[in-house]
Amino acid sequence: MPIINIGKHTIEVTSTMGVVTIKYDGEVKHKAHFAFGPSVYYFFAEEDGRRVTYDIDVKSGLRSAHITVKRDGTPVFSS
């Protein structure tokens, strides 16, 4: 799964043994069991003195997962 660069920040999404882990600048922001079908994970981050919201949508596939990242509702990455 990818490491996504957004400005000077990174988001890393990994899936191991059915557990999805989302890291923001190396800090674990979310860790949960992954179910088949779409799963959306949310977290907040402080960037340049303001709070932003990230939505990570993970959809499983037969060979890989499709990931969409939104920052304050605006798509910034899609695989």
Protein backbone atom coordinates (compact mmCIF):
# COMPACT_ATOMS: atom_id res chain seq x y z
CA MET A 1 0.00 0.00 0.00
CA PRO A 2 1.22 3.51 -0.69
CA ILE A 3 3.06 6.26 1.09
CA ILE A 4 1.29 9.46 0.05
CA ASN A 5 3.04 12.83 0.11
CA ILE A 6 0.77 15.82 0.69
CA GLY A 7 2.83 18.98 0.86
CA LYS A 8 5.45 18.41 3.54
CA HIS A 9 3.43 15.65 5.22
CA THR A 10 3.12 11.91 4.57
CA ILE A 11 0.28 9.44 4.98
CA GLU A 12 1.10 5.74 5.00
CA VAL A 13 -1.63 3.13 4.63
CA THR A 14 -0.74 -0.50 5.37
CA SER A 15 -2.77 -3.67 5.66
CA THR A 16 -1.37 -6.71 7.46
CA MET A 17 -3.32 -9.78 8.51
CA GLY A 18 -6.65 -7.95 8.06
CA VAL A 19 -5.64 -4.88 10.08
CA VAL A 20 -5.43 -1.47 8.39
CA THR A 21 -2.98 1.01 9.90
CA ILE A 22 -2.92 4.66 8.89
CA LYS A 23 0.08 6.78 9.85
CA TYR A 24 0.44 10.53 9.48
CA ASP A 25 4.05 11.76 9.60
CA GLY A 26 4.97 8.45 11.26
CA GLU A 27 2.32 8.68 14.00
CA VAL A 28 -0.43 6.02 14.05
CA LYS A 29 -3.73 7.85 13.59
CA HIS A 30 -5.98 4.85 13.04
CA LYS A 31 -5.74 1.08 13.39
CA ALA A 32 -8.69 -1.22 12.78
CA HIS A 33 -9.74 -4.57 11.39
CA PHE A 34 -10.48 -4.29 7.70
CA ALA A 35 -13.76 -5.67 6.38
CA PHE A 36 -14.36 -6.44 2.73
CA GLY A 37 -16.16 -3.64 0.97
CA PRO A 38 -15.53 0.07 1.43
CA SER A 39 -14.21 1.36 4.75
CA VAL A 40 -13.70 5.04 5.54
CA TYR A 41 -11.29 6.22 8.22
CA TYR A 42 -11.12 9.79 9.56
CA PHE A 43 -8.48 11.67 11.50
CA PHE A 44 -7.52 15.25 12.30
CA ALA A 45 -4.12 16.90 11.97
CA GLU A 46 -2.66 20.29 12.82
CA GLU A 47 -1.11 21.89 9.73
CA ASP A 48 0.29 25.41 9.66
CA GLY A 49 -1.68 26.37 12.77
CA ARG A 50 -5.05 25.04 11.65
CA ARG A 51 -6.94 21.80 12.07
CA VAL A 52 -7.56 19.77 8.93
CA THR A 53 -9.62 16.63 8.43
CA TYR A 54 -8.45 13.64 6.40
CA ASP A 55 -10.83 10.98 5.07
CA ILE A 56 -9.20 7.76 3.85
CA ASP A 57 -11.51 5.51 1.81
CA VAL A 58 -10.18 1.97 1.37
CA LYS A 59 -11.95 -0.43 -1.01
CA SER A 60 -10.68 -3.98 -1.22
CA GLY A 61 -10.18 -5.75 -4.51
CA LEU A 62 -9.10 -9.21 -5.53
CA ARG A 63 -5.47 -8.23 -6.10
CA SER A 64 -5.10 -4.90 -4.34
CA ALA A 65 -6.96 -2.13 -2.58
CA HIS A 66 -8.15 1.18 -4.00
CA ILE A 67 -7.42 4.17 -1.77
CA THR A 68 -8.86 7.67 -1.95
CA VAL A 69 -7.59 10.42 0.36
CA LYS A 70 -9.52 13.64 0.94
CA ARG A 71 -8.18 16.65 2.82
CA ASP A 72 -10.99 18.87 4.15
CA GLY A 73 -13.33 17.20 1.65
CA THR A 74 -11.11 17.78 -1.40
CA PRO A 75 -9.59 14.69 -3.07
CA VAL A 76 -5.77 14.79 -2.93
CA PHE A 77 -4.91 11.19 -3.88
CA SER A 78 -6.52 8.24 -5.62
CA SER A 79 -4.98 4.91 -6.55
